Protein backbone atom coordinates (compact mmCIF):
# COMPACT_ATOMS: atom_id res chain seq x y z
CA MET A 1 77.74 79.34 82.93
CA THR A 2 80.50 78.40 80.59
CA ALA A 3 80.22 74.76 79.71
CA GLN A 4 83.65 73.73 81.01
CA VAL A 5 85.02 70.10 80.73
CA ILE A 6 88.33 68.62 81.90
CA PHE A 7 89.05 65.17 80.20
CA VAL A 8 91.77 63.05 81.68
CA ASP A 9 93.40 60.13 79.85
CA ASP A 10 96.93 58.88 79.51
CA GLU A 11 96.54 57.97 75.74
CA ALA A 12 97.18 61.03 73.57
CA ALA A 13 95.12 59.95 70.64
CA ILE A 14 91.99 59.55 72.90
CA ARG A 15 92.61 62.96 74.38
CA GLU A 16 92.65 64.64 71.00
CA ALA A 17 89.59 62.73 69.70
CA VAL A 18 87.44 63.66 72.75
CA ARG A 19 88.63 67.24 72.57
CA GLU A 20 87.62 67.57 68.93
CA TRP A 21 84.16 66.07 69.67
CA LEU A 22 83.55 68.30 72.43
CA GLU A 23 84.89 71.59 71.03
CA LEU A 24 82.69 71.06 68.00
CA SER A 25 79.76 70.60 70.28
CA GLY A 26 80.42 73.95 71.85
CA PHE A 27 82.19 73.04 75.14
CA GLU A 28 85.20 74.63 76.63
CA VAL A 29 87.69 71.65 76.95
CA ARG A 30 91.01 71.13 78.78
CA VAL A 31 92.55 67.73 78.34
CA GLU A 32 95.21 66.32 80.82
CA ALA A 33 97.45 63.39 80.73
CA SER A 34 97.44 62.53 84.42
CA ALA A 35 95.03 62.85 87.46
CA GLU A 36 97.77 64.98 89.18
CA ASP A 37 97.44 67.58 86.39
CA CYS A 38 93.71 67.63 86.64
CA LEU A 39 93.61 68.29 90.31
CA LYS A 40 95.77 71.38 89.72
CA ARG A 41 92.91 72.95 87.65
CA LEU A 42 90.15 72.30 90.18
CA ASP A 43 88.51 74.22 93.03
CA ALA A 44 85.05 74.29 94.68
CA ASP A 45 83.91 77.03 92.15
CA PHE A 46 84.76 74.93 88.96
CA PRO A 47 81.79 75.43 86.82
CA GLY A 48 82.02 72.22 84.85
CA VAL A 49 82.42 68.42 84.84
CA VAL A 50 85.47 66.12 85.08
CA ILE A 51 85.70 62.98 82.78
CA SER A 52 88.39 60.54 83.52
CA ASP A 53 89.65 57.17 82.35
CA LEU A 54 89.76 54.49 85.02
CA ARG A 55 93.04 52.76 84.32
CA MET A 56 95.97 55.28 84.26
CA PRO A 57 99.48 55.08 85.54
CA GLY A 58 100.09 56.68 88.97
CA MET A 59 96.86 58.00 90.30
CA ASP A 60 94.07 56.14 88.69
CA GLY A 61 90.48 57.14 88.05
CA MET A 62 89.19 55.79 91.47
CA ALA A 63 91.75 57.85 93.33
CA LEU A 64 91.08 60.84 91.19
CA LEU A 65 87.32 60.53 92.02
CA GLN A 66 88.16 60.55 95.68
CA ALA A 67 90.33 63.55 95.30
CA VAL A 68 87.74 65.42 93.50
CA GLN A 69 85.13 64.83 95.93
CA ALA A 70 87.56 66.07 98.46
CA VAL A 71 87.50 69.44 96.52
CA ASP A 72 83.61 69.40 96.07
CA ARG A 73 81.46 66.47 96.67
CA GLU A 74 78.89 67.86 94.34
CA LEU A 75 81.23 68.34 91.19
CA PRO A 76 79.97 65.64 88.65
CA PHE A 77 82.50 63.06 87.61
CA LEU A 78 82.27 60.73 84.59
CA MET A 79 84.25 57.57 84.71
CA VAL A 80 85.45 55.94 81.30
CA THR A 81 85.92 52.24 81.79
CA GLY A 82 86.93 49.23 79.67
CA HIS A 83 84.48 46.30 79.11
CA GLY A 84 86.08 44.24 82.00
CA ASP A 85 85.97 47.14 84.46
CA VAL A 86 82.26 47.31 85.00
CA PRO A 87 82.38 46.13 88.53
CA GLN A 88 84.74 48.90 89.35
CA ALA A 89 82.55 51.54 87.46
CA VAL A 90 79.61 50.48 89.68
CA GLU A 91 81.66 50.89 92.75
CA ALA A 92 82.70 54.36 91.48
CA MET A 93 78.99 55.16 91.19
CA ARG A 94 78.53 53.96 94.77
CA LEU A 95 81.17 56.25 95.89
CA GLY A 96 79.59 59.18 94.10
CA ALA A 97 80.41 59.28 90.29
CA TYR A 98 77.70 60.67 88.29
CA ASP A 99 77.85 58.10 85.41
CA PHE A 100 80.31 55.79 83.83
CA ILE A 101 80.76 55.27 80.10
CA GLU A 102 82.10 51.99 78.63
CA LYS A 103 84.76 51.92 75.85
CA PRO A 104 84.42 52.10 72.94
CA PHE A 105 81.82 54.86 73.29
CA THR A 106 80.05 57.14 70.74
CA ALA A 107 80.22 60.96 70.67
CA GLU A 108 76.42 60.81 71.28
CA ARG A 109 76.62 58.60 74.41
CA LEU A 110 79.42 60.92 75.78
CA LEU A 111 77.61 64.13 74.89
CA ASP A 112 74.24 62.93 76.49
CA SER A 113 75.82 62.18 79.85
CA LEU A 114 77.87 65.24 79.74
CA ARG A 115 75.02 67.56 79.23
CA ARG A 116 73.01 66.07 82.01
CA ALA A 117 76.11 66.39 84.30
CA LEU A 118 76.48 69.97 83.23
CA GLU A 119 72.86 71.01 84.05
CA LYS A 120 73.23 69.39 87.38
CA ARG A 121 76.37 71.36 88.04
CA ARG A 122 74.67 74.56 86.92
CA LEU A 123 71.78 74.14 89.21
CA VAL A 124 74.11 73.30 92.23
CA GLN A 125 76.09 76.62 91.69
CA GLU A 126 72.87 78.65 91.11
CA ASN A 127 71.62 77.32 94.38
CA ARG A 128 74.88 78.08 96.18
CA ARG A 129 74.77 81.62 94.60
CA LEU A 130 71.28 82.10 95.92
CA ARG A 131 72.18 80.89 99.36
CA VAL A 132 75.15 83.32 99.43
CA GLN A 133 72.88 86.16 98.46
CA VAL A 134 70.32 85.35 101.11
CA ASP A 135 73.18 85.15 103.79
CA LEU A 136 74.73 88.38 102.51
CA LYS A 137 71.17 90.15 102.63
CA ASP A 138 70.78 88.95 106.21
CA GLN A 139 74.23 90.13 107.16
CA LEU A 140 73.64 93.48 105.36
CA ASP A 141 70.34 94.02 107.13
CA VAL A 142 72.27 94.05 110.36
CA ARG A 143 74.82 96.49 109.26
CA LEU A 144 72.45 98.98 107.45
CA LEU A 145 69.48 99.02 109.74
CA GLY A 146 66.06 100.33 108.79
CA VAL A 147 62.61 99.12 107.36
CA SER A 148 61.84 102.27 105.41
CA ARG A 149 61.66 102.26 101.60
CA PRO A 150 64.96 104.39 101.16
CA MET A 151 66.80 101.78 103.24
CA LEU A 152 65.38 98.83 101.47
CA GLN A 153 66.51 100.43 98.27
CA LEU A 154 69.89 101.36 99.47
CA ARG A 155 70.54 97.87 100.71
CA ARG A 156 69.51 96.41 97.24
CA GLN A 157 71.86 98.86 95.53
CA VAL A 158 74.77 97.93 97.94
CA LEU A 159 74.48 94.20 97.19
CA GLU A 160 74.30 94.92 93.55
CA LEU A 161 77.26 97.11 93.44
CA ALA A 162 79.49 95.34 95.87
CA ARG A 163 80.06 92.63 93.28
CA THR A 164 81.15 95.00 90.46
CA PRO A 165 84.53 96.66 90.12
CA VAL A 166 83.34 100.16 89.44
CA ASN A 167 84.16 103.23 91.25
CA ILE A 168 81.34 104.54 93.37
CA LEU A 169 80.23 108.11 94.54
CA LEU A 170 78.25 108.28 97.80
CA ARG A 171 76.23 111.47 98.41
CA GLY A 172 74.76 112.22 101.89
CA GLU A 173 74.69 114.63 104.64
CA THR A 174 77.21 114.62 107.54
CA GLY A 175 76.67 111.69 109.77
CA SER A 176 74.32 109.84 107.37
CA GLY A 177 76.63 106.73 107.40
CA LYS A 178 78.80 107.14 104.10
CA GLU A 179 81.71 105.19 105.67
CA MET A 180 79.53 102.44 106.86
CA VAL A 181 78.06 102.09 103.31
CA ALA A 182 81.68 102.26 101.84
CA ARG A 183 82.69 99.46 104.18
CA CYS A 184 79.83 97.36 103.16
CA LEU A 185 80.54 97.80 99.64
CA HIS A 186 83.97 96.47 100.38
CA ASP A 187 83.00 93.73 102.91
CA PHE A 188 80.41 92.17 100.48
CA GLY A 189 82.56 92.30 97.38
CA PRO A 190 85.38 90.25 96.05
CA ARG A 191 88.07 92.51 97.55
CA ALA A 192 86.74 91.84 101.28
CA GLU A 193 90.06 89.96 102.04
CA ARG A 194 92.11 92.90 100.93
CA PRO A 195 92.80 96.35 102.73
CA PHE A 196 90.08 98.88 103.23
CA VAL A 197 91.86 102.38 103.62
CA ALA A 198 89.98 105.40 104.64
CA LEU A 199 91.18 108.92 104.20
CA ASN A 200 89.28 111.99 105.05
CA CYS A 201 90.35 114.68 102.44
CA ALA A 202 89.26 117.54 104.64
CA ALA A 203 91.46 116.63 107.55
CA ILE A 204 94.88 116.62 105.80
CA PRO A 205 96.94 119.93 105.35
CA GLU A 206 97.36 120.73 101.79
CA ASN A 207 101.19 120.67 101.85
CA LEU A 208 101.07 117.01 103.26
CA PHE A 209 98.30 115.71 100.89
CA GLU A 210 100.61 114.37 98.13
CA SER A 211 102.67 112.55 100.55
CA GLU A 212 99.72 111.04 102.51
CA LEU A 213 98.01 110.05 99.20
CA PHE A 214 100.99 108.85 97.10
CA GLY A 215 103.83 108.23 99.74
CA HIS A 216 107.24 109.49 99.55
CA GLU A 217 110.87 108.32 99.47
CA SER A 218 113.48 109.12 102.17
CA GLY A 219 114.68 112.83 101.73
CA ALA A 220 112.02 113.71 99.27
CA PHE A 221 111.34 116.95 101.17
CA THR A 222 112.48 118.51 104.53
CA GLY A 223 111.43 116.17 107.31
CA ALA A 224 111.06 113.06 105.27
CA GLN A 225 113.29 110.77 107.35
CA GLY A 226 112.33 107.49 105.72
CA LYS A 227 110.15 105.90 102.92
CA ARG A 228 106.52 106.24 103.56
CA ILE A 229 103.90 104.16 101.74
CA GLY A 230 100.96 106.23 100.67
CA LYS A 231 97.17 105.39 101.19
CA ILE A 232 96.74 104.53 97.45
CA GLU A 233 99.65 102.03 97.56
CA HIS A 234 98.47 100.63 100.88
CA ALA A 235 95.01 99.92 99.42
CA HIS A 236 96.53 97.84 96.59
CA GLY A 237 94.12 95.09 95.77
CA GLY A 238 91.34 96.50 98.01
CA THR A 239 89.45 99.67 98.24
CA LEU A 240 90.27 103.19 98.81
CA PHE A 241 87.66 105.40 100.63
CA LEU A 242 87.96 109.08 100.02
CA ASP A 243 85.70 111.00 102.29
CA GLU A 244 84.81 114.67 101.62
CA ILE A 245 86.45 114.27 98.18
CA GLU A 246 85.34 117.89 97.49
CA SER A 247 88.07 119.01 99.77
CA MET A 248 90.89 117.50 97.72
CA PRO A 249 93.19 120.08 96.30
CA LEU A 250 93.01 120.63 92.54
CA ALA A 251 96.71 119.76 92.07
CA GLN A 252 96.17 116.42 93.78
CA GLN A 253 92.99 115.79 91.76
CA VAL A 254 95.03 115.78 88.60
CA LYS A 255 97.48 113.24 90.08
CA LEU A 256 94.81 110.94 91.28
CA LEU A 257 93.03 111.09 87.90
CA ARG A 258 96.28 109.79 86.28
CA VAL A 259 96.42 106.96 88.79
CA LEU A 260 92.90 105.85 88.06
CA GLN A 261 93.43 106.10 84.40
CA GLU A 262 96.88 104.14 84.32
CA GLN A 263 96.67 102.25 87.49
CA ARG A 264 100.20 103.20 88.27
CA LEU A 265 101.73 105.76 90.67
CA GLU A 266 105.10 107.34 91.59
CA ARG A 267 106.02 108.05 95.40
CA LEU A 268 107.13 111.68 95.93
CA GLY A 269 110.75 111.92 95.27
CA SER A 270 110.96 108.70 93.08
CA ASN A 271 110.97 107.94 89.24
CA GLN A 272 110.00 104.50 89.84
CA SER A 273 106.37 103.60 88.58
CA ILE A 274 104.32 101.19 90.82
CA THR A 275 101.20 99.30 89.59
CA VAL A 276 98.34 99.48 91.80
CA ASP A 277 94.86 97.74 91.66
CA ILE A 278 92.31 99.79 93.68
CA ARG A 279 88.63 100.55 93.81
CA VAL A 280 87.67 103.97 94.85
CA VAL A 281 84.50 104.73 96.82
CA ALA A 282 84.38 108.59 97.24
CA ALA A 283 81.88 110.49 99.38
CA THR A 284 80.63 113.94 99.27
CA LYS A 285 78.08 116.22 100.99
CA PRO A 286 77.76 118.83 98.23
CA ASP A 287 76.71 118.00 94.58
CA LEU A 288 80.06 117.69 92.82
CA ARG A 289 78.60 118.94 89.59
CA GLU A 290 77.97 122.21 91.27
CA GLU A 291 81.56 122.07 92.49
CA VAL A 292 82.72 121.55 88.79
CA ARG A 293 80.73 124.59 87.52
CA ALA A 294 82.29 126.63 90.50
CA GLY A 295 85.77 125.51 89.16
CA ARG A 296 86.64 123.65 92.49
CA PHE A 297 86.54 120.23 91.09
CA ARG A 298 87.72 118.60 87.93
CA GLU A 299 85.01 117.27 85.63
CA ASP A 300 87.13 114.39 84.14
CA LEU A 301 87.83 113.28 87.78
CA LEU A 302 84.14 113.40 88.61
CA TYR A 303 83.44 111.02 85.67
CA ARG A 304 86.02 108.59 86.87
CA LEU A 305 84.60 108.57 90.45
CA ASN A 306 80.88 108.75 89.64
CA VAL A 307 80.57 105.46 87.45
CA ALA A 308 77.77 104.57 89.87
CA GLU A 309 76.13 107.05 92.36
CA LEU A 310 74.32 106.10 95.72
CA GLN A 311 72.25 108.86 97.57
CA LEU A 312 72.09 108.07 101.22
CA PRO A 313 68.91 109.32 102.85
CA ALA A 314 68.98 111.87 105.66
CA LEU A 315 67.45 110.53 108.96
CA ARG A 316 64.57 112.95 108.70
CA GLU A 317 63.57 111.27 105.37
CA ARG A 318 63.15 107.88 107.05
CA ARG A 319 61.57 108.75 110.46
CA GLU A 320 60.02 105.44 110.68
CA ASP A 321 63.51 103.99 111.39
CA ILE A 322 64.12 106.24 114.28
CA PRO A 323 62.82 103.91 117.02
CA LEU A 324 64.72 100.89 115.64
CA LEU A 325 68.11 102.71 115.31
CA PHE A 326 67.71 104.25 118.71
CA GLU A 327 67.00 100.98 120.27
CA HIS A 328 70.07 99.51 118.48
CA PHE A 329 72.39 102.28 119.46
CA ALA A 330 71.09 102.24 123.16
CA ARG A 331 71.76 98.57 123.47
CA GLN A 332 75.36 99.00 122.10
CA ALA A 333 75.87 101.91 124.54
CA SER A 334 74.33 99.79 127.56
CA GLU A 335 76.85 96.77 126.84
CA ARG A 336 79.69 99.17 126.37
CA LEU A 337 79.28 101.26 129.39
CA GLY A 338 78.05 98.45 131.61
CA ARG A 339 74.70 100.17 132.51
CA PRO A 340 71.06 99.10 132.28
CA GLN A 341 69.16 100.25 129.12
CA PRO A 342 66.14 102.36 130.30
CA SER A 343 63.03 102.12 128.10
CA LEU A 344 61.68 105.04 126.16
CA THR A 345 58.52 106.83 127.38
CA PRO A 346 55.95 107.90 124.73
CA ALA A 347 56.97 111.51 125.33
CA GLU A 348 60.54 110.73 124.69
CA LEU A 349 59.76 108.75 121.52
CA ALA A 350 57.54 111.56 120.34
CA GLN A 351 60.45 114.19 120.95
CA LEU A 352 62.78 111.73 118.88
CA LEU A 353 60.24 111.68 115.97
CA ALA A 354 59.82 115.36 116.07
CA HIS A 355 63.46 116.35 115.89
CA GLY A 356 65.11 117.55 112.75
CA TRP A 357 68.40 115.46 113.27
CA PRO A 358 70.78 117.56 111.31
CA GLY A 359 73.59 115.40 112.45
CA ASN A 360 71.62 112.31 111.16
CA VAL A 361 72.41 108.70 112.35
CA ARG A 362 75.55 110.15 114.14
CA GLU A 363 73.62 112.51 116.34
CA LEU A 364 71.05 109.70 116.98
CA ALA A 365 73.76 107.33 118.25
CA ASN A 366 75.11 110.16 120.49
CA ALA A 367 71.61 110.70 121.82
CA ALA A 368 71.06 107.13 122.63
CA GLU A 369 74.34 106.99 124.73
CA ARG A 370 73.16 110.11 126.65
CA HIS A 371 69.96 108.27 127.25
CA VAL A 372 71.71 105.33 128.66
CA LEU A 373 73.72 107.55 130.94
CA GLY A 374 70.45 109.03 132.25
CA LEU A 375 70.80 112.38 130.44
CA SER A 376 68.50 114.00 128.07
CA THR A 377 68.00 112.29 124.63
CA GLY A 378 69.15 115.69 123.30
CA ALA A 379 66.36 116.28 120.95
CA ALA A 380 66.05 119.91 119.97
CA GLU A 381 63.27 122.28 120.71
CA ARG A 382 60.67 122.30 118.09
CA GLY A 383 61.37 124.91 115.43
CA GLU A 384 60.07 126.14 112.09
CA GLY A 385 60.03 123.35 109.65
CA GLU A 386 59.62 120.53 112.14
CA PRO A 387 56.83 117.90 111.36
CA SER A 388 53.41 118.50 112.60
CA LEU A 389 51.52 116.06 114.89
CA ALA A 390 49.67 114.53 111.89
CA GLU A 391 53.05 114.18 110.17
CA LEU A 392 54.48 112.30 113.18
CA MET A 393 51.34 110.04 113.32
CA GLU A 394 51.61 109.13 109.61
CA ALA A 395 55.36 108.31 109.92
CA TYR A 396 54.67 106.14 113.23
CA GLU A 397 51.83 104.42 111.25
CA ALA A 398 54.20 103.68 108.24
CA GLN A 399 56.65 102.39 110.69
CA CYS A 400 54.24 99.86 112.31
CA LEU A 401 53.04 98.71 108.94
CA ARG A 402 56.66 98.08 107.78
CA GLN A 403 57.62 96.33 110.95
CA ALA A 404 54.49 93.96 110.70
CA LEU A 405 55.22 93.33 106.98
CA ALA A 406 58.88 92.60 107.72
CA ARG A 407 58.07 90.18 110.60
CA SER A 408 55.44 88.40 108.57
CA GLN A 409 57.66 88.52 105.45
CA GLY A 410 54.78 89.83 103.36
CA ASP A 411 52.17 87.40 104.49
CA ILE A 412 49.10 89.72 104.35
CA LYS A 413 46.93 87.52 106.55
CA ALA A 414 49.59 87.53 109.34
CA VAL A 415 49.81 91.29 109.14
CA MET A 416 46.03 91.67 109.47
CA THR A 417 46.18 89.42 112.53
CA LEU A 418 49.15 91.37 114.13
CA LEU A 419 47.65 94.73 113.63
CA GLN A 420 43.95 93.65 113.88
CA LEU A 421 42.95 95.28 110.72
CA PRO A 422 40.52 94.29 108.06
CA ARG A 423 41.79 93.61 104.61
CA ARG A 424 40.37 96.59 103.00
CA THR A 425 41.84 99.10 105.65
CA LEU A 426 45.20 97.40 105.50
CA ASN A 427 45.18 97.69 101.51
CA GLU A 428 44.31 101.39 101.77
CA LYS A 429 47.08 102.21 104.34
CA MET A 430 49.63 100.34 102.41
CA GLN A 431 48.71 102.17 99.22
CA ARG A 432 48.78 105.43 101.10
CA HIS A 433 52.30 104.71 102.56
CA GLY A 434 53.61 103.44 99.14
CA LEU A 435 54.09 100.03 100.58
CA ALA A 436 54.11 96.87 98.36
CA ARG A 437 54.01 93.31 99.69
CA SER A 438 56.76 92.27 97.31
CA GLU A 439 59.33 94.43 99.16
CA PHE A 440 59.01 92.10 102.09
CA LEU A 441 58.85 88.66 100.55
CA ARG A 442 62.10 86.57 101.45
CA GLY A 443 64.53 86.88 98.57
CA GLU A 444 62.70 89.77 96.91
CA ASP A 445 65.55 92.36 97.77
CA ASP A 446 68.32 90.10 96.36
């Protein structure tokens, strides 16, 4: 945290002397001649301390203290007082001031109090940051469901990358949840209050692609009756999600690359350059490196998009999540359709676990809705390549272990009680399934 200080005093000579002391000691200092000017610089995220004289024309130090506390009650406030103002300084302490310093004061006295106040501020902001991370983790657990190792890793990566400004490439099969992950990257980052704009590149005719992406002016081409704001411009300040990016025509790839490089665009039929601030999350099923080698995708655009890459697991790679996801989708369908939610029989559960799920989570959600409607779960007949009974039993055992570890937040004794297993057997099973207690301790995934 940058050690920031705002010093408020109506006497210019004192302001400059204090500025010099503090800057020589390594602090970032802003001096203000009035309480009103100080308040303009403050918000609840201010990472520093306010130091103010008590006696000032207009709003005095006591009024400023109360105004600062209205911004953030935990923002440290140091009051500078004259010899005869000690009673008021004591009252300021009662009202929440961190400390008071009598004039004339030495640099050592000021620096000692200031360093202690800054350390308090650092701890307050660190605790707030940790609370926010825990809250975000809990919210993300609901959005990206699953107790499998791939999903634990994916949620960690999403939380880490959501706060960064980099472009991200998502790779995953159809129905694996790429748009949901893209929305989470947007919703859990600093652009959350700005637009999230999604565009499926495979769904747009090539002759309309440029207009859809960059917009157009009235009369730019036959049928262009009025001005149109394109998807990129609409996403200004927020996130542009480009699904099936491999389907983007090469001519438009060149123009998109230029926009990403220059952060500017021109609508079709216009010479006016428009500044845009976007973060791009692109999604693809095939490996874009293979598309580059085949001449279907520009290598320089790939580098722009693939600053960070997230691989979304297929549902068959996290079979232990299937019962949890099916229950979630069935509950949603039950509420939406106004029908009771039937329970799964052991045979139906085995069928769900045995299916290959080529449509991934999207196919599972569809199966859950049919189940609520009293129809077949839709799991396909067993075929070549489907898991054996032994593999299904292994997946189910791993699921039970993960659920118990998650429920107990990594408390091994509690897991032993829940599953009625001796310590040695539990350790062996956890080792065989690649489960680590640390994954389930509260806060470990932040």
